[in-house]
Amino acid sequence: MKKQRFTGFWNMGTFIWLCSAIGIVLGALLQNVVLWLCLGACIGVLLGAITSINKTKE
């Protein structure tokens, strides 16, 4: 069995979900859920795109 790297598990949907969840928690703490949800989703899209590009290069 071929050992996969840790980045093989992460895809764009996982990053969007994880960063959005963190954004919701931060928004609840800072009293602005919508702003932090959008920021979290944007960061998730960026991280997912970067890992997707790195996976295609390998």
Protein backbone atom coordinates (compact mmCIF):
# COMPACT_ATOMS: atom_id res chain seq x y z
CA MET A 1 0.00 0.00 0.00
CA LYS A 2 1.35 3.39 -1.00
CA LYS A 3 1.65 5.85 1.86
CA GLN A 4 -0.15 9.09 1.07
CA ARG A 5 0.96 12.50 2.15
CA PHE A 6 -1.09 14.54 4.57
CA THR A 7 -2.08 16.96 1.79
CA GLY A 8 -3.71 14.10 -0.09
CA PHE A 9 -6.48 14.15 2.50
CA TRP A 10 -7.14 17.87 2.21
CA ASN A 11 -9.25 19.05 -0.68
CA MET A 12 -10.99 22.32 -1.37
CA GLY A 13 -14.24 21.32 0.30
CA THR A 14 -12.47 20.31 3.48
CA PHE A 15 -10.64 23.61 3.69
CA ILE A 16 -13.82 25.62 3.05
CA TRP A 17 -15.70 23.65 5.70
CA LEU A 18 -12.94 23.91 8.29
CA CYS A 19 -12.21 27.61 7.79
CA SER A 20 -15.93 28.46 7.73
CA ALA A 21 -16.42 26.63 11.02
CA ILE A 22 -13.53 28.57 12.55
CA GLY A 23 -15.06 31.76 11.14
CA ILE A 24 -18.41 31.00 12.76
CA VAL A 25 -16.75 30.50 16.14
CA LEU A 26 -14.75 33.71 15.80
CA GLY A 27 -17.86 35.56 14.67
CA ALA A 28 -19.81 34.34 17.67
CA LEU A 29 -17.04 35.52 19.97
CA LEU A 30 -16.64 38.89 18.23
CA GLN A 31 -20.37 39.53 17.65
CA ASN A 32 -20.20 39.57 13.82
CA VAL A 33 -20.94 36.07 12.50
CA VAL A 34 -21.61 36.91 8.85
CA LEU A 35 -18.35 38.83 8.35
CA TRP A 36 -16.21 36.12 9.90
CA LEU A 37 -18.09 33.36 8.07
CA CYS A 38 -17.34 35.04 4.74
CA LEU A 39 -13.71 35.64 5.69
CA GLY A 40 -13.34 32.03 6.79
CA ALA A 41 -14.83 30.72 3.55
CA CYS A 42 -12.54 32.99 1.50
CA ILE A 43 -9.48 31.76 3.35
CA GLY A 44 -10.67 28.17 2.85
CA VAL A 45 -11.01 28.70 -0.90
CA LEU A 46 -7.51 30.17 -1.10
CA LEU A 47 -5.93 27.34 0.90
CA GLY A 48 -7.85 24.74 -1.10
CA ALA A 49 -6.75 26.26 -4.40
CA ILE A 50 -3.11 26.36 -3.29
CA THR A 51 -3.15 22.70 -2.25
CA SER A 52 -4.93 21.72 -5.48
CA ILE A 53 -2.23 23.42 -7.52
CA ASN A 54 0.48 21.69 -5.52
CA LYS A 55 -1.19 18.29 -5.99
CA THR A 56 -1.35 18.69 -9.77
CA LYS A 57 2.37 19.57 -9.96
CA GLU A 58 3.37 16.31 -8.27
